Amino acid sequence: MKFGDSIFDIEFSPHKIMPLYPKLSALASGSDDVYPSTVEVDLVSYCNHNCKWCVDPAHGRSRLEMGFVGKLFEELRFLQVAGIVFKGGGESTLHPRFEDALELARQQGFEAGVVTNGSMLHRRAGALASLASYVRVSIDGPTPESHAALHGSDDFETIVEGVVKLVQERNRLKRRHPVVGLSFAMDFHAMDLVETAVELGERVACDYVLFRPPFFEEVGAEPTMTPMEALQVRRRFMDVRSAYKGDMKILVDHWISDRDAELSEIFQADSPRRGSFVARNANGIEHVTGRCLASPLLAVVTGDQSLYGCCNLRSLPEWKFGRIDYDEGLTFEKVYMGKRRKMVLEKMRRFACRRYCTHPLSRYNEIIEYLKSPRHHGSFV
């Protein structure tokens, strides 16, 4: 195998940040005029699952019309946005013209990612295999019973069938993409199912499985495990990954809640980033610096055409930049550069949104903070 053959050489490489360097440098200099590299587009605000730890609990009944989507994509291409992600707010694959939206994104030159509960994969597999860059299935429970308990649905086997169909169709087309993975949010009570999750990943022949602890207080949910139990869960993930000898990749998200991070002896003992730039009783560098400067790299357009600056803040009225309305002349750019956005952005920079944060931009914030520093020893190779 030569370099580049593996998705971990390219798609999962930490060096994929490099094309963003001009924007990171601009943000480090204090520029307000940086447009996003990625825009999450919530085609709908409704969902057919009722997930216990849903990161978007404020569901509604709205959906984007294709006329709006077409104008949005055309404008985002002009603003040099690179990636479109159909992800949150609701289950985007439920949109009656989901495949048209996916095809339009590709026609406009965007890379397109999809995060889904998997319920519609059996119907959307062909389009996704042909057009998507990645598909991540938030399945959480690796058995029909555990999945039903977490998602409030009885479609586990349909989801599994859909993932198999997607992988087979991608392979039939001899495409490198989409990269297909299963994600599992697991608490202490699901620790005995971690190996079962790995077996499910092998059964569907996906590229990777991702393990992470659930988000609790950040999404307004009551914790179901103590900090010590959360520590045991993270260690369990790592132990299973270390013991695995197969070809599929096992990823572990080392996110740690604010509550857990406050217990320094637990965090320092378990932190995968111990000794790094941020391992100072903190969940991310935002806790060290008290600011988030990377948020302009990402924007979110929700199913009611509202614009937000972070995936953790969607549907929270006080964090809304405004509403895009092309009929009224309110373009993405006009809302994005408006007074309301500047006011909200200033609060985001001060990390006033800490209570909602799951630190999706910590890695980018680390780079920006380094670029803002005196860069001692920066002259040495």
Protein backbone atom coordinates (compact mmCIF):
# COMPACT_ATOMS: atom_id res chain seq x y z
CA MET A 1 0.00 0.00 0.00
CA LYS A 2 1.41 3.40 -0.96
CA PHE A 3 0.83 6.68 0.82
CA GLY A 4 -2.59 8.09 0.02
CA ASP A 5 -4.32 4.74 -0.39
CA SER A 6 -5.68 4.83 3.15
CA ILE A 7 -8.39 7.32 4.14
CA PHE A 8 -6.28 7.94 7.24
CA ASP A 9 -3.48 9.25 5.02
CA ILE A 10 -5.70 11.99 3.61
CA GLU A 11 -9.32 12.27 4.79
CA PHE A 12 -8.54 11.75 8.49
CA SER A 13 -5.10 13.32 8.45
CA PRO A 14 -4.52 16.13 10.97
CA HIS A 15 -2.80 17.97 8.11
CA LYS A 16 -6.12 18.57 6.37
CA ILE A 17 -6.10 21.85 8.29
CA MET A 18 -3.37 23.21 6.04
CA PRO A 19 -5.63 24.62 3.27
CA LEU A 20 -7.34 26.69 5.98
CA TYR A 21 -4.11 28.47 6.93
CA PRO A 22 -5.00 31.80 5.23
CA LYS A 23 -8.29 31.97 7.14
CA LEU A 24 -6.67 30.91 10.41
CA SER A 25 -4.02 33.58 9.95
CA ALA A 26 -6.67 36.20 9.21
CA LEU A 27 -8.60 35.23 12.35
CA ALA A 28 -5.41 35.45 14.38
CA SER A 29 -4.96 39.01 13.13
CA GLY A 30 -8.46 39.93 14.31
CA SER A 31 -10.25 40.06 10.96
CA ASP A 32 -14.06 40.02 10.94
CA ASP A 33 -14.27 39.39 7.21
CA VAL A 34 -13.56 35.66 7.15
CA TYR A 35 -16.29 33.62 5.51
CA PRO A 36 -16.94 30.04 6.62
CA SER A 37 -15.16 27.07 5.12
CA THR A 38 -18.05 24.79 6.06
CA VAL A 39 -21.76 25.54 6.25
CA GLU A 40 -24.17 23.13 7.89
CA VAL A 41 -27.54 23.19 6.15
CA ASP A 42 -30.53 21.83 8.05
CA LEU A 43 -32.92 20.87 5.25
CA VAL A 44 -35.62 20.15 7.83
CA SER A 45 -36.18 20.84 11.52
CA TYR A 46 -38.11 17.63 12.23
CA CYS A 47 -36.98 14.09 12.95
CA ASN A 48 -38.46 10.59 13.01
CA HIS A 49 -36.41 9.53 16.05
CA ASN A 50 -36.59 10.73 19.63
CA CYS A 51 -33.01 10.38 20.80
CA LYS A 52 -32.32 10.40 24.51
CA TRP A 53 -29.24 12.60 24.17
CA CYS A 54 -30.19 14.58 21.09
CA VAL A 55 -27.90 17.53 20.47
CA ASP A 56 -30.77 19.34 18.70
CA PRO A 57 -33.74 18.95 21.04
CA ALA A 58 -35.61 21.99 19.65
CA HIS A 59 -37.29 20.29 16.67
CA GLY A 60 -39.97 22.02 14.64
CA ARG A 61 -41.94 21.60 11.42
CA SER A 62 -40.00 23.75 8.98
CA ARG A 63 -38.09 22.76 5.87
CA LEU A 64 -36.09 24.59 3.24
CA GLU A 65 -37.59 24.96 -0.22
CA MET A 66 -35.39 24.05 -3.16
CA GLY A 67 -35.56 27.55 -4.59
CA PHE A 68 -33.97 28.87 -1.40
CA VAL A 69 -31.39 26.05 -1.36
CA GLY A 70 -30.37 26.81 -4.94
CA LYS A 71 -29.84 30.52 -4.22
CA LEU A 72 -28.00 29.72 -0.99
CA PHE A 73 -25.60 27.30 -2.65
CA GLU A 74 -24.91 29.71 -5.49
CA GLU A 75 -24.07 32.46 -3.01
CA LEU A 76 -21.95 30.21 -0.82
CA ARG A 77 -19.94 29.12 -3.84
CA PHE A 78 -19.29 32.80 -4.65
CA LEU A 79 -18.12 33.31 -1.03
CA GLN A 80 -15.71 30.38 -1.48
CA VAL A 81 -17.31 28.08 1.04
CA ALA A 82 -15.85 24.61 0.44
CA GLY A 83 -18.06 22.13 2.25
CA ILE A 84 -21.77 21.61 2.84
CA VAL A 85 -22.88 19.31 5.65
CA PHE A 86 -26.45 18.04 5.93
CA LYS A 87 -26.41 17.34 9.62
CA GLY A 88 -28.60 18.72 12.35
CA GLY A 89 -31.74 20.51 13.35
CA GLY A 90 -33.67 17.47 12.18
CA GLU A 91 -33.12 14.45 9.94
CA SER A 92 -32.20 15.95 6.56
CA THR A 93 -32.75 12.71 4.64
CA LEU A 94 -36.48 13.09 5.40
CA HIS A 95 -36.66 16.09 3.06
CA PRO A 96 -38.70 15.02 0.02
CA ARG A 97 -36.02 16.43 -2.28
CA PHE A 98 -32.96 15.47 -0.26
CA GLU A 99 -31.30 13.81 -3.24
CA ASP A 100 -31.85 16.92 -5.36
CA ALA A 101 -30.22 19.06 -2.67
CA LEU A 102 -27.27 16.67 -2.47
CA GLU A 103 -26.85 16.69 -6.24
CA LEU A 104 -27.10 20.48 -6.35
CA ALA A 105 -24.37 20.80 -3.75
CA ARG A 106 -22.07 18.67 -5.85
CA GLN A 107 -22.96 20.53 -9.04
CA GLN A 108 -21.92 23.76 -7.34
CA GLY A 109 -18.55 22.22 -6.53
CA PHE A 110 -18.98 21.60 -2.80
CA GLU A 111 -17.85 18.55 -0.94
CA ALA A 112 -20.95 17.20 0.78
CA GLY A 113 -21.09 15.43 4.13
CA VAL A 114 -24.11 13.80 5.72
CA VAL A 115 -24.74 13.01 9.38
CA THR A 116 -27.86 10.90 9.73
CA ASN A 117 -29.77 8.59 12.03
CA GLY A 118 -29.70 6.11 9.14
CA SER A 119 -33.44 5.53 8.90
CA MET A 120 -33.60 6.50 5.21
CA LEU A 121 -30.33 5.02 4.01
CA HIS A 122 -32.05 2.07 2.35
CA ARG A 123 -33.80 4.58 0.07
CA ARG A 124 -30.96 7.10 -0.32
CA ALA A 125 -28.01 4.71 -0.71
CA GLY A 126 -27.62 5.19 -4.47
CA ALA A 127 -27.46 8.98 -4.34
CA LEU A 128 -25.20 9.00 -1.29
CA ALA A 129 -22.82 6.49 -2.81
CA SER A 130 -22.55 8.61 -5.96
CA LEU A 131 -22.38 12.09 -4.45
CA ALA A 132 -21.42 12.24 -0.77
CA SER A 133 -17.91 12.67 0.60
CA TYR A 134 -18.78 11.11 3.93
CA VAL A 135 -21.76 9.60 5.71
CA ARG A 136 -21.73 9.24 9.48
CA VAL A 137 -24.55 7.24 11.00
CA SER A 138 -25.44 8.15 14.58
CA ILE A 139 -26.69 4.73 15.61
CA ASP A 140 -25.58 4.76 19.30
CA GLY A 141 -27.11 1.41 20.25
CA PRO A 142 -25.46 -1.63 18.58
CA THR A 143 -28.43 -3.95 19.21
CA PRO A 144 -32.14 -3.58 18.41
CA GLU A 145 -32.93 -3.25 22.11
CA SER A 146 -30.24 -0.71 22.97
CA HIS A 147 -30.97 1.31 19.85
CA ALA A 148 -34.70 1.41 20.60
CA ALA A 149 -34.03 2.52 24.18
CA LEU A 150 -31.85 5.43 23.02
CA HIS A 151 -33.59 6.48 19.80
CA GLY A 152 -37.21 5.70 20.59
CA SER A 153 -37.59 3.85 17.28
CA ASP A 154 -37.85 0.27 16.08
CA ASP A 155 -35.94 0.55 12.79
CA PHE A 156 -32.56 -0.89 13.82
CA GLU A 157 -32.48 -3.63 11.18
CA THR A 158 -33.63 -1.17 8.51
CA ILE A 159 -30.72 1.10 9.41
CA VAL A 160 -28.25 -1.78 9.30
CA GLU A 161 -29.65 -2.85 5.94
CA GLY A 162 -29.22 0.70 4.68
CA VAL A 163 -25.58 0.95 5.78
CA VAL A 164 -24.78 -2.37 4.10
CA LYS A 165 -26.49 -1.20 0.93
CA LEU A 166 -24.58 2.09 0.97
CA VAL A 167 -21.18 0.42 1.37
CA GLN A 168 -21.97 -2.14 -1.31
CA GLU A 169 -23.12 0.53 -3.74
CA ARG A 170 -20.01 2.62 -3.13
CA ASN A 171 -17.82 -0.42 -3.71
CA ARG A 172 -19.73 -1.30 -6.86
CA LEU A 173 -19.04 2.17 -8.20
CA LYS A 174 -15.38 1.74 -7.24
CA ARG A 175 -15.39 5.08 -5.44
CA ARG A 176 -13.18 6.11 -2.57
CA HIS A 177 -16.07 8.12 -1.14
CA PRO A 178 -18.22 8.35 0.80
CA VAL A 179 -16.26 7.43 3.89
CA VAL A 180 -18.84 5.56 5.96
CA GLY A 181 -18.81 5.32 9.73
CA LEU A 182 -21.01 4.46 12.70
CA SER A 183 -20.96 6.68 15.78
CA PHE A 184 -21.86 5.52 19.27
CA ALA A 185 -22.65 7.80 22.21
CA MET A 186 -22.34 5.44 25.18
CA ASP A 187 -22.63 5.95 28.90
CA PHE A 188 -21.54 3.76 31.80
CA HIS A 189 -24.60 1.53 31.48
CA ALA A 190 -23.64 0.56 27.91
CA MET A 191 -20.03 -0.40 28.60
CA ASP A 192 -20.70 -4.08 28.01
CA LEU A 193 -21.85 -3.24 24.46
CA VAL A 194 -18.63 -1.65 23.21
CA GLU A 195 -17.35 -4.89 21.65
CA THR A 196 -20.81 -5.48 20.16
CA ALA A 197 -20.55 -2.07 18.49
CA VAL A 198 -17.22 -3.06 16.95
CA GLU A 199 -18.77 -6.31 15.71
CA LEU A 200 -21.61 -4.33 14.14
CA GLY A 201 -19.12 -2.12 12.34
CA GLU A 202 -17.43 -5.21 10.92
CA ARG A 203 -20.79 -6.71 9.99
CA VAL A 204 -21.74 -3.71 7.84
CA ALA A 205 -18.16 -3.33 6.53
CA CYS A 206 -17.97 0.38 7.32
CA ASP A 207 -14.69 2.29 7.39
CA TYR A 208 -14.70 3.20 11.05
CA VAL A 209 -16.64 3.27 14.29
CA LEU A 210 -16.52 6.30 16.57
CA PHE A 211 -17.04 6.14 20.32
CA ARG A 212 -17.74 9.10 22.58
CA PRO A 213 -19.46 9.77 25.89
CA PRO A 214 -22.87 11.46 25.61
CA PHE A 215 -23.34 15.21 25.87
CA PHE A 216 -25.38 15.99 28.97
CA GLU A 217 -25.56 19.46 30.51
CA GLU A 218 -24.39 21.05 27.23
CA VAL A 219 -27.63 19.96 25.53
CA GLY A 220 -29.83 20.31 28.60
CA ALA A 221 -29.88 16.62 29.52
CA GLU A 222 -29.51 15.12 32.98
CA PRO A 223 -26.24 13.17 33.39
CA THR A 224 -26.67 9.41 33.63
CA MET A 225 -23.22 8.72 35.06
CA THR A 226 -20.83 10.13 37.62
CA PRO A 227 -17.46 11.65 36.66
CA MET A 228 -15.72 8.47 37.83
CA GLU A 229 -18.03 6.36 35.69
CA ALA A 230 -17.35 8.66 32.74
CA LEU A 231 -13.65 8.08 33.28
CA GLN A 232 -14.21 4.32 33.18
CA VAL A 233 -16.18 4.66 29.95
CA ARG A 234 -13.35 6.53 28.24
CA ARG A 235 -10.86 3.96 29.43
CA ARG A 236 -13.10 1.18 28.15
CA PHE A 237 -13.17 2.77 24.71
CA MET A 238 -9.38 2.96 24.68
CA ASP A 239 -8.93 -0.61 25.88
CA VAL A 240 -11.20 -1.98 23.16
CA ARG A 241 -9.40 0.06 20.53
CA SER A 242 -6.02 -1.19 21.72
CA ALA A 243 -7.17 -4.82 21.66
CA TYR A 244 -8.75 -4.63 18.19
CA LYS A 245 -6.75 -6.35 15.43
CA GLY A 246 -9.04 -5.90 12.44
CA ASP A 247 -8.85 -3.60 9.42
CA MET A 248 -11.66 -1.22 10.42
CA LYS A 249 -10.57 1.94 12.23
CA ILE A 250 -11.75 2.63 15.77
CA LEU A 251 -11.89 6.29 16.74
CA VAL A 252 -12.36 7.63 20.26
CA ASP A 253 -13.55 11.18 20.85
CA HIS A 254 -11.88 12.33 24.03
CA TRP A 255 -14.39 15.08 24.69
CA ILE A 256 -14.90 15.59 28.41
CA SER A 257 -17.71 17.54 30.04
CA ASP A 258 -17.14 20.74 32.01
CA ARG A 259 -18.33 18.97 35.13
CA ASP A 260 -15.76 16.22 34.69
CA ALA A 261 -12.99 18.63 33.70
CA GLU A 262 -13.38 20.50 36.99
CA LEU A 263 -12.15 17.40 38.82
CA SER A 264 -8.51 17.93 37.98
CA GLU A 265 -7.23 14.68 39.44
CA ILE A 266 -9.54 12.70 37.15
CA PHE A 267 -8.89 14.84 34.10
CA GLN A 268 -5.12 14.88 34.48
CA ALA A 269 -5.01 11.13 35.08
CA ASP A 270 -7.01 10.31 31.99
CA SER A 271 -6.41 13.19 29.61
CA PRO A 272 -5.20 12.04 26.18
CA ARG A 273 -3.78 15.54 25.81
CA ARG A 274 -1.82 15.59 29.05
CA GLY A 275 1.24 17.76 28.63
CA SER A 276 -0.20 19.44 25.54
CA PHE A 277 -1.01 23.10 25.03
CA VAL A 278 -4.39 22.78 26.71
CA ALA A 279 -4.13 20.14 29.44
CA ARG A 280 -4.61 22.49 32.36
CA ASN A 281 -7.79 21.28 34.01
CA ALA A 282 -9.62 22.25 30.84
CA ASN A 283 -11.81 20.60 28.24
CA GLY A 284 -10.33 22.69 25.46
CA ILE A 285 -8.14 25.68 24.93
CA GLU A 286 -11.23 27.88 25.14
CA HIS A 287 -11.24 27.20 28.89
CA VAL A 288 -7.64 28.34 29.16
CA THR A 289 -7.92 31.49 27.05
CA GLY A 290 -11.56 32.33 27.79
CA ARG A 291 -12.24 32.93 24.11
CA CYS A 292 -13.25 31.20 20.89
CA LEU A 293 -11.77 32.83 17.79
CA ALA A 294 -12.35 30.04 15.25
CA SER A 295 -16.14 30.23 15.05
CA PRO A 296 -16.20 32.10 11.70
CA LEU A 297 -14.91 28.92 10.05
CA LEU A 298 -18.38 27.40 10.49
CA ALA A 299 -21.94 28.60 9.97
CA VAL A 300 -25.32 26.93 10.30
CA VAL A 301 -28.45 27.59 8.24
CA THR A 302 -31.51 26.05 9.90
CA GLY A 303 -34.75 24.81 8.42
CA ASP A 304 -36.46 28.18 8.96
CA GLN A 305 -33.67 30.00 7.05
CA SER A 306 -32.03 31.34 10.21
CA LEU A 307 -28.27 31.79 10.40
CA TYR A 308 -26.13 30.81 13.40
CA GLY A 309 -22.42 30.79 14.04
CA CYS A 310 -21.96 27.39 15.69
CA CYS A 311 -23.52 23.95 15.61
CA ASN A 312 -23.88 24.07 19.40
CA LEU A 313 -25.97 27.25 19.22
CA ARG A 314 -28.49 26.44 16.52
CA SER A 315 -32.09 27.26 17.43
CA LEU A 316 -31.09 29.33 20.47
CA PRO A 317 -32.70 32.75 19.76
CA GLU A 318 -30.14 34.84 21.63
CA TRP A 319 -27.35 33.43 19.41
CA LYS A 320 -29.10 33.93 16.10
CA PHE A 321 -27.36 36.14 13.51
CA GLY A 322 -30.58 36.76 11.60
CA ARG A 323 -32.81 35.22 8.95
CA ILE A 324 -31.91 34.87 5.29
CA ASP A 325 -34.70 35.96 2.95
CA TYR A 326 -33.72 36.39 -0.69
CA ASP A 327 -37.11 37.88 -1.57
CA GLU A 328 -36.41 40.67 0.92
CA GLY A 329 -32.80 41.11 -0.16
CA LEU A 330 -31.45 39.51 3.02
CA THR A 331 -28.70 37.36 1.56
CA PHE A 332 -26.36 35.09 3.50
CA GLU A 333 -23.62 37.71 3.11
CA LYS A 334 -25.81 40.57 4.25
CA VAL A 335 -26.91 38.75 7.40
CA TYR A 336 -23.40 37.42 8.02
CA MET A 337 -21.87 40.88 7.82
CA GLY A 338 -24.71 42.60 9.68
CA LYS A 339 -24.67 44.38 13.03
CA ARG A 340 -26.50 41.56 14.80
CA ARG A 341 -23.86 39.02 13.77
CA LYS A 342 -21.04 41.28 14.95
CA MET A 343 -22.73 41.64 18.33
CA VAL A 344 -23.26 37.87 18.72
CA LEU A 345 -19.77 37.13 17.42
CA GLU A 346 -18.28 39.31 20.11
CA LYS A 347 -20.06 37.22 22.76
CA MET A 348 -18.79 34.04 21.10
CA ARG A 349 -15.25 35.39 21.13
CA ARG A 350 -15.56 35.95 24.86
CA PHE A 351 -16.76 32.36 25.19
CA ALA A 352 -20.04 33.50 26.71
CA CYS A 353 -21.56 30.39 25.12
CA ARG A 354 -19.45 28.09 27.31
CA ARG A 355 -22.45 26.31 28.86
CA TYR A 356 -23.46 24.93 25.44
CA CYS A 357 -19.99 24.10 24.17
CA THR A 358 -18.83 20.63 23.13
CA HIS A 359 -15.62 22.14 21.73
CA PRO A 360 -15.92 21.31 18.02
CA LEU A 361 -13.35 23.99 17.11
CA SER A 362 -10.70 23.50 19.80
CA ARG A 363 -8.07 22.27 17.38
CA TYR A 364 -8.53 25.35 15.20
CA ASN A 365 -8.49 27.64 18.23
CA GLU A 366 -5.17 26.14 19.29
CA ILE A 367 -3.63 27.05 15.94
CA ILE A 368 -5.06 30.58 16.04
CA GLU A 369 -3.74 31.09 19.56
CA TYR A 370 -0.30 29.92 18.43
CA LEU A 371 -0.37 32.29 15.46
CA LYS A 372 -1.23 35.13 17.85
CA SER A 373 1.68 34.26 20.14
CA PRO A 374 5.27 35.57 19.84
CA ARG A 375 6.16 32.18 18.29
CA HIS A 376 9.38 31.61 20.19
CA HIS A 377 11.54 29.03 18.42
CA GLY A 378 9.39 29.45 15.34
CA SER A 379 12.49 29.85 13.23
CA PHE A 380 13.73 26.31 13.83
CA VAL A 381 12.88 23.25 11.76
